[in-house]
Amino acid sequence: MSHQEREKLKLLQRLRKVRGQLDAVERSLAADEDCGGQLMLLAAVRGGVNSLMGEVLETHIRFHLADGAKEQIAPELAEDLIDLVHAYLK
């Protein structure tokens, strides 16, 4: 399995987890459960989406701006950008 296939599988697994979290929110709302629990579920969804976005952005930076681009940016700059993205999405 290639590196790209492993990354794709990892992202799809993350997406399925977020989908499961959204399903839990839907069940909680339909069952008229406690608002505090619903807010916790929603926070988990937000964290999952932010994490997924961070992974996609990191992959984009690594493979389209640093390694495979016509006009590459410096590896140090790519790492700084990745760190900034992860910090912003926390």
PDB file of N, CA and C in Angstrom:
ATOM      1  N   MET A   1       0.849  -1.170   0.000  1.00  0.00           N
ATOM      2  CA  MET A   1       0.000   0.000   0.000  1.00  0.00           C
ATOM      3  C   MET A   1       0.902   1.242   0.000  1.00  0.00           C
ATOM      4  N   SER A   2       0.618   2.157  -0.897  1.00  0.00           N
ATOM      5  CA  SER A   2       1.444   3.353  -1.024  1.00  0.00           C
ATOM      6  C   SER A   2       1.175   4.327   0.121  1.00  0.00           C
ATOM      7  N   HIS A   3       2.084   5.278   0.249  1.00  0.00           N
ATOM      8  CA  HIS A   3       1.953   6.307   1.276  1.00  0.00           C
ATOM      9  C   HIS A   3       0.644   7.081   1.097  1.00  0.00           C
ATOM     10  N   GLN A   4       0.325   7.407  -0.145  1.00  0.00           N
ATOM     11  CA  GLN A   4      -0.897   8.160  -0.423  1.00  0.00           C
ATOM     12  C   GLN A   4      -2.137   7.349  -0.062  1.00  0.00           C
ATOM     13  N   GLU A   5      -2.113   6.060  -0.327  1.00  0.00           N
ATOM     14  CA  GLU A   5      -3.250   5.209   0.020  1.00  0.00           C
ATOM     15  C   GLU A   5      -3.436   5.126   1.530  1.00  0.00           C
ATOM     16  N   ARG A   6      -2.320   5.034   2.271  1.00  0.00           N
ATOM     17  CA  ARG A   6      -2.405   4.996   3.740  1.00  0.00           C
ATOM     18  C   ARG A   6      -2.974   6.304   4.270  1.00  0.00           C
ATOM     19  N   GLU A   7      -2.522   7.419   3.715  1.00  0.00           N
ATOM     20  CA  GLU A   7      -3.037   8.725   4.137  1.00  0.00           C
ATOM     21  C   GLU A   7      -4.526   8.840   3.837  1.00  0.00           C
ATOM     22  N   LYS A   8      -4.921   8.394   2.662  1.00  0.00           N
ATOM     23  CA  LYS A   8      -6.327   8.438   2.273  1.00  0.00           C
ATOM     24  C   LYS A   8      -7.162   7.597   3.222  1.00  0.00           C
ATOM     25  N   LEU A   9      -6.698   6.395   3.548  1.00  0.00           N
ATOM     26  CA  LEU A   9      -7.410   5.516   4.464  1.00  0.00           C
ATOM     27  C   LEU A   9      -7.535   6.163   5.840  1.00  0.00           C
ATOM     28  N   LYS A  10      -6.466   6.794   6.299  1.00  0.00           N
ATOM     29  CA  LYS A  10      -6.472   7.469   7.593  1.00  0.00           C
ATOM     30  C   LYS A  10      -7.509   8.593   7.611  1.00  0.00           C
ATOM     31  N   LEU A  11      -7.569   9.367   6.540  1.00  0.00           N
ATOM     32  CA  LEU A  11      -8.539  10.462   6.461  1.00  0.00           C
ATOM     33  C   LEU A  11      -9.966   9.939   6.399  1.00  0.00           C
ATOM     34  N   LEU A  12     -10.180   8.865   5.666  1.00  0.00           N
ATOM     35  CA  LEU A  12     -11.521   8.279   5.586  1.00  0.00           C
ATOM     36  C   LEU A  12     -11.959   7.725   6.940  1.00  0.00           C
ATOM     37  N   GLN A  13     -11.044   7.123   7.680  1.00  0.00           N
ATOM     38  CA  GLN A  13     -11.373   6.632   9.015  1.00  0.00           C
ATOM     39  C   GLN A  13     -11.741   7.791   9.940  1.00  0.00           C
ATOM     40  N   ARG A  14     -11.017   8.879   9.829  1.00  0.00           N
ATOM     41  CA  ARG A  14     -11.314  10.063  10.627  1.00  0.00           C
ATOM     42  C   ARG A  14     -12.692  10.613  10.277  1.00  0.00           C
ATOM     43  N   LEU A  15     -13.002  10.637   8.995  1.00  0.00           N
ATOM     44  CA  LEU A  15     -14.302  11.120   8.544  1.00  0.00           C
ATOM     45  C   LEU A  15     -15.431  10.232   9.077  1.00  0.00           C
ATOM     46  N   ARG A  16     -15.230   8.942   9.073  1.00  0.00           N
ATOM     47  CA  ARG A  16     -16.245   8.020   9.599  1.00  0.00           C
ATOM     48  C   ARG A  16     -16.473   8.243  11.088  1.00  0.00           C
ATOM     49  N   LYS A  17     -15.406   8.569  11.807  1.00  0.00           N
ATOM     50  CA  LYS A  17     -15.538   8.860  13.230  1.00  0.00           C
ATOM     51  C   LYS A  17     -16.379  10.117  13.433  1.00  0.00           C
ATOM     52  N   VAL A  18     -16.127  11.150  12.645  1.00  0.00           N
ATOM     53  CA  VAL A  18     -16.912  12.383  12.740  1.00  0.00           C
ATOM     54  C   VAL A  18     -18.371  12.095  12.404  1.00  0.00           C
ATOM     55  N   ARG A  19     -18.604  11.277  11.390  1.00  0.00           N
ATOM     56  CA  ARG A  19     -19.980  10.913  11.022  1.00  0.00           C
ATOM     57  C   ARG A  19     -20.669  10.224  12.195  1.00  0.00           C
ATOM     58  N   GLY A  20     -19.961   9.340  12.882  1.00  0.00           N
ATOM     59  CA  GLY A  20     -20.517   8.671  14.055  1.00  0.00           C
ATOM     60  C   GLY A  20     -20.844   9.663  15.168  1.00  0.00           C
ATOM     61  N   GLN A  21     -19.985  10.646  15.340  1.00  0.00           N
ATOM     62  CA  GLN A  21     -20.237  11.673  16.347  1.00  0.00           C
ATOM     63  C   GLN A  21     -21.483  12.488  15.988  1.00  0.00           C
ATOM     64  N   LEU A  22     -21.630  12.802  14.715  1.00  0.00           N
ATOM     65  CA  LEU A  22     -22.827  13.533  14.279  1.00  0.00           C
ATOM     66  C   LEU A  22     -24.084  12.694  14.475  1.00  0.00           C
ATOM     67  N   ASP A  23     -23.996  11.409  14.225  1.00  0.00           N
ATOM     68  CA  ASP A  23     -25.133  10.520  14.471  1.00  0.00           C
ATOM     69  C   ASP A  23     -25.518  10.527  15.945  1.00  0.00           C
ATOM     70  N   ALA A  24     -24.508  10.567  16.823  1.00  0.00           N
ATOM     71  CA  ALA A  24     -24.771  10.623  18.267  1.00  0.00           C
ATOM     72  C   ALA A  24     -25.486  11.925  18.636  1.00  0.00           C
ATOM     73  N   VAL A  25     -25.100  13.028  18.008  1.00  0.00           N
ATOM     74  CA  VAL A  25     -25.784  14.307  18.247  1.00  0.00           C
ATOM     75  C   VAL A  25     -27.236  14.198  17.806  1.00  0.00           C
ATOM     76  N   GLU A  26     -27.468  13.626  16.643  1.00  0.00           N
ATOM     77  CA  GLU A  26     -28.833  13.484  16.140  1.00  0.00           C
ATOM     78  C   GLU A  26     -29.689  12.642  17.087  1.00  0.00           C
ATOM     79  N   ARG A  27     -29.124  11.527  17.556  1.00  0.00           N
ATOM     80  CA  ARG A  27     -29.878  10.674  18.493  1.00  0.00           C
ATOM     81  C   ARG A  27     -30.185  11.422  19.789  1.00  0.00           C
ATOM     82  N   SER A  28     -29.222  12.191  20.253  1.00  0.00           N
ATOM     83  CA  SER A  28     -29.406  12.947  21.484  1.00  0.00           C
ATOM     84  C   SER A  28     -30.490  14.005  21.331  1.00  0.00           C
ATOM     85  N   LEU A  29     -30.492  14.687  20.209  1.00  0.00           N
ATOM     86  CA  LEU A  29     -31.525  15.699  19.960  1.00  0.00           C
ATOM     87  C   LEU A  29     -32.901  15.060  19.808  1.00  0.00           C
ATOM     88  N   ALA A  30     -32.966  13.958  19.100  1.00  0.00           N
ATOM     89  CA  ALA A  30     -34.248  13.266  18.884  1.00  0.00           C
ATOM     90  C   ALA A  30     -34.813  12.741  20.197  1.00  0.00           C
ATOM     91  N   ALA A  31     -33.941  12.325  21.107  1.00  0.00           N
ATOM     92  CA  ALA A  31     -34.374  11.775  22.391  1.00  0.00           C
ATOM     93  C   ALA A  31     -34.600  12.869  23.431  1.00  0.00           C
ATOM     94  N   ASP A  32     -34.406  14.112  23.043  1.00  0.00           N
ATOM     95  CA  ASP A  32     -34.584  15.259  23.937  1.00  0.00           C
ATOM     96  C   ASP A  32     -33.756  15.092  25.206  1.00  0.00           C
ATOM     97  N   GLU A  33     -32.501  14.713  25.023  1.00  0.00           N
ATOM     98  CA  GLU A  33     -31.596  14.516  26.148  1.00  0.00           C
ATOM     99  C   GLU A  33     -31.090  15.851  26.676  1.00  0.00           C
ATOM    100  N   ASP A  34     -30.337  15.781  27.751  1.00  0.00           N
ATOM    101  CA  ASP A  34     -29.806  16.950  28.442  1.00  0.00           C
ATOM    102  C   ASP A  34     -28.963  17.833  27.515  1.00  0.00           C
ATOM    103  N   CYS A  35     -29.162  19.139  27.613  1.00  0.00           N
ATOM    104  CA  CYS A  35     -28.422  20.096  26.779  1.00  0.00           C
ATOM    105  C   CYS A  35     -26.920  20.023  27.024  1.00  0.00           C
ATOM    106  N   GLY A  36     -26.517  19.787  28.264  1.00  0.00           N
ATOM    107  CA  GLY A  36     -25.090  19.705  28.573  1.00  0.00           C
ATOM    108  C   GLY A  36     -24.424  18.574  27.815  1.00  0.00           C
ATOM    109  N   GLY A  37     -25.086  17.439  27.750  1.00  0.00           N
ATOM    110  CA  GLY A  37     -24.555  16.303  26.991  1.00  0.00           C
ATOM    111  C   GLY A  37     -24.501  16.595  25.501  1.00  0.00           C
ATOM    112  N   GLN A  38     -25.522  17.280  25.007  1.00  0.00           N
ATOM    113  CA  GLN A  38     -25.547  17.636  23.590  1.00  0.00           C
ATOM    114  C   GLN A  38     -24.402  18.586  23.256  1.00  0.00           C
ATOM    115  N   LEU A  39     -24.137  19.531  24.149  1.00  0.00           N
ATOM    116  CA  LEU A  39     -23.031  20.454  23.915  1.00  0.00           C
ATOM    117  C   LEU A  39     -21.687  19.728  23.906  1.00  0.00           C
ATOM    118  N   MET A  40     -21.542  18.744  24.783  1.00  0.00           N
ATOM    119  CA  MET A  40     -20.306  17.959  24.797  1.00  0.00           C
ATOM    120  C   MET A  40     -20.155  17.189  23.485  1.00  0.00           C
ATOM    121  N   LEU A  41     -21.237  16.613  22.995  1.00  0.00           N
ATOM    122  CA  LEU A  41     -21.185  15.901  21.716  1.00  0.00           C
ATOM    123  C   LEU A  41     -20.822  16.843  20.579  1.00  0.00           C
ATOM    124  N   LEU A  42     -21.419  18.027  20.588  1.00  0.00           N
ATOM    125  CA  LEU A  42     -21.116  19.009  19.544  1.00  0.00           C
ATOM    126  C   LEU A  42     -19.665  19.468  19.607  1.00  0.00           C
ATOM    127  N   ALA A  43     -19.133  19.612  20.807  1.00  0.00           N
ATOM    128  CA  ALA A  43     -17.728  19.988  20.953  1.00  0.00           C
ATOM    129  C   ALA A  43     -16.824  18.899  20.383  1.00  0.00           C
ATOM    130  N   ALA A  44     -17.215  17.642  20.589  1.00  0.00           N
ATOM    131  CA  ALA A  44     -16.434  16.529  20.033  1.00  0.00           C
ATOM    132  C   ALA A  44     -16.479  16.555  18.509  1.00  0.00           C
ATOM    133  N   VAL A  45     -17.645  16.870  17.946  1.00  0.00           N
ATOM    134  CA  VAL A  45     -17.770  16.970  16.488  1.00  0.00           C
ATOM    135  C   VAL A  45     -16.867  18.075  15.967  1.00  0.00           C
ATOM    136  N   ARG A  46     -16.918  19.223  16.627  1.00  0.00           N
ATOM    137  CA  ARG A  46     -16.073  20.348  16.201  1.00  0.00           C
ATOM    138  C   ARG A  46     -14.595  19.976  16.262  1.00  0.00           C
ATOM    139  N   GLY A  47     -14.192  19.311  17.326  1.00  0.00           N
ATOM    140  CA  GLY A  47     -12.810  18.869  17.443  1.00  0.00           C
ATOM    141  C   GLY A  47     -12.431  17.883  16.353  1.00  0.00           C
ATOM    142  N   GLY A  48     -13.349  16.968  16.041  1.00  0.00           N
ATOM    143  CA  GLY A  48     -13.091  15.999  14.981  1.00  0.00           C
ATOM    144  C   GLY A  48     -12.950  16.642  13.616  1.00  0.00           C
ATOM    145  N   VAL A  49     -13.808  17.612  13.322  1.00  0.00           N
ATOM    146  CA  VAL A  49     -13.741  18.314  12.041  1.00  0.00           C
ATOM    147  C   VAL A  49     -12.458  19.137  11.966  1.00  0.00           C
ATOM    148  N   ASN A  50     -12.114  19.815  13.052  1.00  0.00           N
ATOM    149  CA  ASN A  50     -10.874  20.597  13.058  1.00  0.00           C
ATOM    150  C   ASN A  50      -9.656  19.696  12.865  1.00  0.00           C
ATOM    151  N   SER A  51      -9.686  18.538  13.486  1.00  0.00           N
ATOM    152  CA  SER A  51      -8.575  17.600  13.344  1.00  0.00           C
ATOM    153  C   SER A  51      -8.471  17.103  11.906  1.00  0.00           C
ATOM    154  N   LEU A  52      -9.604  16.771  11.302  1.00  0.00           N
ATOM    155  CA  LEU A  52      -9.625  16.341   9.910  1.00  0.00           C
ATOM    156  C   LEU A  52      -9.109  17.449   8.999  1.00  0.00           C
ATOM    157  N   MET A  53      -9.548  18.674   9.243  1.00  0.00           N
ATOM    158  CA  MET A  53      -9.091  19.797   8.432  1.00  0.00           C
ATOM    159  C   MET A  53      -7.584  19.988   8.585  1.00  0.00           C
ATOM    160  N   GLY A  54      -7.088  19.843   9.799  1.00  0.00           N
ATOM    161  CA  GLY A  54      -5.652  19.968  10.032  1.00  0.00           C
ATOM    162  C   GLY A  54      -4.855  18.929   9.262  1.00  0.00           C
ATOM    163  N   GLU A  55      -5.345  17.694   9.234  1.00  0.00           N
ATOM    164  CA  GLU A  55      -4.661  16.628   8.502  1.00  0.00           C
ATOM    165  C   GLU A  55      -4.645  16.905   6.998  1.00  0.00           C
ATOM    166  N   VAL A  56      -5.784  17.348   6.469  1.00  0.00           N
ATOM    167  CA  VAL A  56      -5.865  17.641   5.029  1.00  0.00           C
ATOM    168  C   VAL A  56      -4.944  18.804   4.680  1.00  0.00           C
ATOM    169  N   LEU A  57      -4.941  19.846   5.504  1.00  0.00           N
ATOM    170  CA  LEU A  57      -4.066  20.989   5.247  1.00  0.00           C
ATOM    171  C   LEU A  57      -2.595  20.598   5.354  1.00  0.00           C
ATOM    172  N   GLU A  58      -2.262  19.773   6.342  1.00  0.00           N
ATOM    173  CA  GLU A  58      -0.875  19.328   6.478  1.00  0.00           C
ATOM    174  C   GLU A  58      -0.436  18.542   5.248  1.00  0.00           C
ATOM    175  N   THR A  59      -1.296  17.642   4.785  1.00  0.00           N
ATOM    176  CA  THR A  59      -0.977  16.870   3.585  1.00  0.00           C
ATOM    177  C   THR A  59      -0.799  17.785   2.386  1.00  0.00           C
ATOM    178  N   HIS A  60      -1.674  18.777   2.269  1.00  0.00           N
ATOM    179  CA  HIS A  60      -1.570  19.722   1.152  1.00  0.00           C
ATOM    180  C   HIS A  60      -0.241  20.479   1.210  1.00  0.00           C
ATOM    181  N   ILE A  61       0.114  20.955   2.380  1.00  0.00           N
ATOM    182  CA  ILE A  61       1.360  21.705   2.526  1.00  0.00           C
ATOM    183  C   ILE A  61       2.560  20.824   2.187  1.00  0.00           C
ATOM    184  N   ARG A  62       2.572  19.613   2.735  1.00  0.00           N
ATOM    185  CA  ARG A  62       3.713  18.720   2.524  1.00  0.00           C
ATOM    186  C   ARG A  62       3.869  18.299   1.062  1.00  0.00           C
ATOM    187  N   PHE A  63       2.773  17.977   0.382  1.00  0.00           N
ATOM    188  CA  PHE A  63       2.873  17.371  -0.938  1.00  0.00           C
ATOM    189  C   PHE A  63       2.645  18.335  -2.092  1.00  0.00           C
ATOM    190  N   HIS A  64       2.081  19.511  -1.797  1.00  0.00           N
ATOM    191  CA  HIS A  64       1.816  20.444  -2.893  1.00  0.00           C
ATOM    192  C   HIS A  64       2.593  21.750  -2.767  1.00  0.00           C
ATOM    193  N   LEU A  65       3.056  22.052  -1.565  1.00  0.00           N
ATOM    194  CA  LEU A  65       3.831  23.285  -1.400  1.00  0.00           C
ATOM    195  C   LEU A  65       5.304  23.009  -1.131  1.00  0.00           C
ATOM    196  N   ALA A  66       5.600  21.895  -0.504  1.00  0.00           N
ATOM    197  CA  ALA A  66       6.995  21.637  -0.131  1.00  0.00           C
ATOM    198  C   ALA A  66       7.656  20.625  -1.062  1.00  0.00           C
ATOM    199  N   ASP A  67       7.089  19.450  -1.203  1.00  0.00           N
ATOM    200  CA  ASP A  67       7.763  18.377  -1.934  1.00  0.00           C
ATOM    201  C   ASP A  67       7.498  18.382  -3.446  1.00  0.00           C
ATOM    202  N   GLY A  68       6.238  18.497  -3.831  1.00  0.00           N
ATOM    203  CA  GLY A  68       5.919  18.289  -5.235  1.00  0.00           C
ATOM    204  C   GLY A  68       5.635  19.528  -6.049  1.00  0.00           C
ATOM    205  N   ALA A  69       5.794  20.697  -5.461  1.00  0.00           N
ATOM    206  CA  ALA A  69       5.438  21.923  -6.163  1.00  0.00           C
ATOM    207  C   ALA A  69       6.532  22.353  -7.133  1.00  0.00           C
ATOM    208  N   LYS A  70       6.122  23.095  -8.151  1.00  0.00           N
ATOM    209  CA  LYS A  70       7.097  23.647  -9.097  1.00  0.00           C
ATOM    210  C   LYS A  70       8.005  24.635  -8.384  1.00  0.00           C
ATOM    211  N   GLU A  71       7.382  25.496  -7.601  1.00  0.00           N
ATOM    212  CA  GLU A  71       8.140  26.475  -6.822  1.00  0.00           C
ATOM    213  C   GLU A  71       7.989  26.100  -5.361  1.00  0.00           C
ATOM    214  N   GLN A  72       8.920  25.313  -4.872  1.00  0.00           N
ATOM    215  CA  GLN A  72       8.831  24.793  -3.515  1.00  0.00           C
ATOM    216  C   GLN A  72       9.144  25.859  -2.480  1.00  0.00           C
ATOM    217  N   ILE A  73       8.487  25.712  -1.315  1.00  0.00           N
ATOM    218  CA  ILE A  73       8.864  26.550  -0.186  1.00  0.00           C
ATOM    219  C   ILE A  73       9.882  25.771   0.645  1.00  0.00           C
ATOM    220  N   ALA A  74      10.625  26.472   1.448  1.00  0.00           N
ATOM    221  CA  ALA A  74      11.656  25.835   2.277  1.00  0.00           C
ATOM    222  C   ALA A  74      11.006  24.865   3.258  1.00  0.00           C
ATOM    223  N   PRO A  75      11.631  23.725   3.513  1.00  0.00           N
ATOM    224  CA  PRO A  75      11.069  22.749   4.459  1.00  0.00           C
ATOM    225  C   PRO A  75      10.790  23.347   5.841  1.00  0.00           C
ATOM    226  N   GLU A  76      11.663  24.243   6.289  1.00  0.00           N
ATOM    227  CA  GLU A  76      11.451  24.874   7.593  1.00  0.00           C
ATOM    228  C   GLU A  76      10.182  25.727   7.586  1.00  0.00           C
ATOM    229  N   LEU A  77       9.950  26.423   6.486  1.00  0.00           N
ATOM    230  CA  LEU A  77       8.753  27.245   6.355  1.00  0.00           C
ATOM    231  C   LEU A  77       7.515  26.361   6.314  1.00  0.00           C
ATOM    232  N   ALA A  78       7.607  25.235   5.622  1.00  0.00           N
ATOM    233  CA  ALA A  78       6.480  24.295   5.569  1.00  0.00           C
ATOM    234  C   ALA A  78       6.144  23.791   6.969  1.00  0.00           C
ATOM    235  N   GLU A  79       7.148  23.432   7.747  1.00  0.00           N
ATOM    236  CA  GLU A  79       6.915  22.949   9.115  1.00  0.00           C
ATOM    237  C   GLU A  79       6.308  24.046   9.982  1.00  0.00           C
ATOM    238  N   ASP A  80       6.786  25.287   9.848  1.00  0.00           N
ATOM    239  CA  ASP A  80       6.213  26.409  10.600  1.00  0.00           C
ATOM    240  C   ASP A  80       4.749  26.615  10.230  1.00  0.00           C
ATOM    241  N   LEU A  81       4.446  26.507   8.958  1.00  0.00           N
ATOM    242  CA  LEU A  81       3.074  26.667   8.492  1.00  0.00           C
ATOM    243  C   LEU A  81       2.184  25.557   9.043  1.00  0.00           C
ATOM    244  N   ILE A  82       2.676  24.333   9.043  1.00  0.00           N
ATOM    245  CA  ILE A  82       1.913  23.206   9.595  1.00  0.00           C
ATOM    246  C   ILE A  82       1.650  23.418  11.082  1.00  0.00           C
ATOM    247  N   ASP A  83       2.673  23.851  11.821  1.00  0.00           N
ATOM    248  CA  ASP A  83       2.494  24.126  13.255  1.00  0.00           C
ATOM    249  C   ASP A  83       1.460  25.217  13.484  1.00  0.00           C
ATOM    250  N   LEU A  84       1.478  26.246  12.649  1.00  0.00           N
ATOM    251  CA  LEU A  84       0.519  27.337  12.764  1.00  0.00           C
ATOM    252  C   LEU A  84      -0.901  26.828  12.505  1.00  0.00           C
ATOM    253  N   VAL A  85      -1.075  26.022  11.498  1.00  0.00           N
ATOM    254  CA  VAL A  85      -2.392  25.472  11.174  1.00  0.00           C
ATOM    255  C   VAL A  85      -2.914  24.642  12.348  1.00  0.00           C
ATOM    256  N   HIS A  86      -2.075  23.766  12.895  1.00  0.00           N
ATOM    257  CA  HIS A  86      -2.506  22.933  14.007  1.00  0.00           C
ATOM    258  C   HIS A  86      -2.841  23.769  15.233  1.00  0.00           C
ATOM    259  N   ALA A  87      -2.055  24.796  15.497  1.00  0.00           N
ATOM    260  CA  ALA A  87      -2.337  25.666  16.650  1.00  0.00           C
ATOM    261  C   ALA A  87      -3.669  26.405  16.453  1.00  0.00           C
ATOM    262  N   TYR A  88      -3.923  26.867  15.250  1.00  0.00           N
ATOM    263  CA  TYR A  88      -5.145  27.606  14.961  1.00  0.00           C
ATOM    264  C   TYR A  88      -6.382  26.720  15.103  1.00  0.00           C
ATOM    265  N   LEU A  89      -6.264  25.460  14.722  1.00  0.00           N
ATOM    266  CA  LEU A  89      -7.424  24.568  14.730  1.00  0.00           C
ATOM    267  C   LEU A  89      -7.690  23.910  16.078  1.00  0.00           C
ATOM    268  N   LYS A  90      -6.845  24.152  17.074  1.00  0.00           N
ATOM    269  CA  LYS A  90      -7.090  23.568  18.413  1.00  0.00           C
ATOM    270  C   LYS A  90      -8.170  24.313  19.135  1.00  0.00           C
TER     271      LYS A  90
END
